[in-house]
Each structure stands twice: as structure tokens, then as C-alpha cells.
Amino acid sequence: MSGHNISTEELYSLICEVGEVARPRISTLTPVALAGAYAMELMLGAIGEKTPLPAGGMMMATLFDYIVSGSELQKLGITPRTVTETLVDAIKWYRQIGYC
């Protein structure tokens, strides 16, 4: 379940905006990006290296552009924060641990 009805593309754009970084200059279709990431993961694995960002996460993130929210969350007593507030905290944490 998710508290926000936002597409993957909108989410990634908002992450760049909130993180105060430029959006990538080059964009590609999702299946092409996934295939490239997975191919790179396989090639790195073949030489005994680990990929810094496993393709599985990208694959899962793109399976569901929109996830049910609203009344289902209310029934559980959940009131989600704004997506921007959540992203600000997530980016801050990733920067603190040195991931980005």
C-alpha cells in the first residue's frame, strides 16, 4: 500500500527536485533501462564483482506505477505524510550514511 498516487516517472522527477540535483540529460524507455541494468549486473557477476545497485529493485519499482491508497489506509488508521516530506527525510538519511 502506498499513501500517494504518483507514477514512477513523477517520483523520480520529484526526487531530483527535492534532492536539488539535475535530472538526467538522457532518458530511455523503462524496459531498455532495466535490460541494461540487468546485463551490467550479470557482467559484473561474471568477473566476481557486485553491482552497486541491484537491478531487482528497479524491476520491482516499475511493476506498479500506482498503488491503492485512500480508504484502505483510513481503515488501518494510517495518515501518510506528504511525499515531499518523506523524500526529504530519505535523501537526508542516504546522504548521512554516504550512499549519495
Protein backbone atom coordinates (compact mmCIF):
# COMPACT_ATOMS: atom_id res chain seq x y z
CA MET A 1 0.00 0.00 0.00
CA SER A 2 1.11 3.50 -0.60
CA GLY A 3 -0.08 6.85 0.57
CA HIS A 4 0.43 8.60 -2.75
CA ASN A 5 -0.92 8.12 -6.25
CA ILE A 6 2.22 9.01 -8.21
CA SER A 7 3.87 7.41 -11.23
CA THR A 8 7.45 6.15 -11.15
CA GLU A 9 8.49 8.91 -13.55
CA GLU A 10 6.86 11.59 -11.37
CA LEU A 11 8.54 10.12 -8.30
CA TYR A 12 11.99 10.18 -9.89
CA SER A 13 11.47 13.78 -11.06
CA LEU A 14 10.42 14.81 -7.56
CA ILE A 15 13.46 13.05 -6.05
CA CYS A 16 15.75 15.13 -8.30
CA GLU A 17 13.88 18.33 -7.42
CA VAL A 18 13.88 17.72 -3.66
CA GLY A 19 17.47 16.48 -3.71
CA GLU A 20 18.48 19.60 -5.62
CA VAL A 21 20.20 17.68 -8.40
CA ALA A 22 19.76 17.99 -12.13
CA ARG A 23 17.57 15.49 -13.88
CA PRO A 24 19.50 13.11 -16.13
CA ARG A 25 20.11 14.58 -19.57
CA ILE A 26 19.37 11.28 -21.26
CA SER A 27 16.23 9.26 -20.75
CA THR A 28 15.22 5.89 -22.11
CA LEU A 29 12.28 3.57 -22.06
CA THR A 30 11.92 1.59 -18.84
CA PRO A 31 12.40 -1.86 -20.46
CA VAL A 32 15.65 -0.70 -22.10
CA ALA A 33 16.97 0.70 -18.80
CA LEU A 34 16.04 -2.49 -16.94
CA ALA A 35 17.66 -4.70 -19.56
CA GLY A 36 20.85 -2.61 -19.42
CA ALA A 37 20.99 -2.67 -15.63
CA TYR A 38 20.42 -6.41 -15.52
CA ALA A 39 23.01 -7.05 -18.25
CA MET A 40 25.55 -4.96 -16.31
CA GLU A 41 24.75 -6.91 -13.14
CA LEU A 42 25.33 -10.19 -14.97
CA MET A 43 28.62 -8.98 -16.48
CA LEU A 44 29.91 -7.76 -13.13
CA GLY A 45 28.86 -11.05 -11.54
CA ALA A 46 30.79 -12.96 -14.22
CA ILE A 47 34.03 -11.27 -13.13
CA GLY A 48 33.28 -11.66 -9.42
CA GLU A 49 32.18 -8.09 -8.74
CA LYS A 50 28.98 -6.91 -7.10
CA THR A 51 26.82 -4.27 -8.66
CA PRO A 52 26.42 -1.13 -6.55
CA LEU A 53 22.71 -1.03 -7.33
CA PRO A 54 20.98 -4.39 -7.97
CA ALA A 55 18.58 -4.40 -10.92
CA GLY A 56 15.92 -6.20 -8.85
CA GLY A 57 15.00 -3.00 -7.03
CA MET A 58 14.49 -1.19 -10.33
CA MET A 59 12.37 -4.04 -11.62
CA MET A 60 10.14 -4.03 -8.55
CA ALA A 61 9.78 -0.23 -8.57
CA THR A 62 8.42 -0.29 -12.11
CA LEU A 63 5.92 -3.10 -11.65
CA PHE A 64 3.32 -0.88 -10.05
CA ASP A 65 3.04 2.73 -11.16
CA TYR A 66 0.02 3.33 -8.96
CA ILE A 67 -0.75 1.58 -5.70
CA VAL A 68 -4.07 1.62 -3.90
CA SER A 69 -4.45 4.28 -1.25
CA GLY A 70 -7.24 6.23 0.41
CA SER A 71 -9.96 4.31 2.20
CA GLU A 72 -7.75 1.25 2.69
CA LEU A 73 -5.27 3.38 4.62
CA GLN A 74 -8.05 5.03 6.61
CA LYS A 75 -9.36 1.62 7.67
CA LEU A 76 -5.89 0.86 9.07
CA GLY A 77 -5.71 4.23 10.82
CA ILE A 78 -2.82 5.39 8.67
CA THR A 79 -2.37 9.02 7.67
CA PRO A 80 0.59 9.28 5.31
CA ARG A 81 2.99 12.22 5.34
CA THR A 82 3.39 14.23 2.17
CA VAL A 83 5.55 12.56 -0.44
CA THR A 84 7.89 15.55 -0.41
CA GLU A 85 8.44 15.33 3.36
CA THR A 86 9.17 11.61 3.04
CA LEU A 87 11.66 12.17 0.21
CA VAL A 88 13.46 14.98 2.07
CA ASP A 89 13.98 12.66 5.05
CA ALA A 90 15.05 9.73 2.85
CA ILE A 91 17.57 11.83 0.90
CA LYS A 92 18.94 13.28 4.13
CA TRP A 93 19.41 9.77 5.55
CA TYR A 94 21.08 8.42 2.39
CA ARG A 95 23.48 11.38 2.44
CA GLN A 96 24.25 10.82 6.14
CA ILE A 97 25.24 7.19 5.52
CA GLY A 98 27.33 8.17 2.50
CA TYR A 99 25.20 6.43 -0.11
CA CYS A 100 24.79 9.58 -2.21
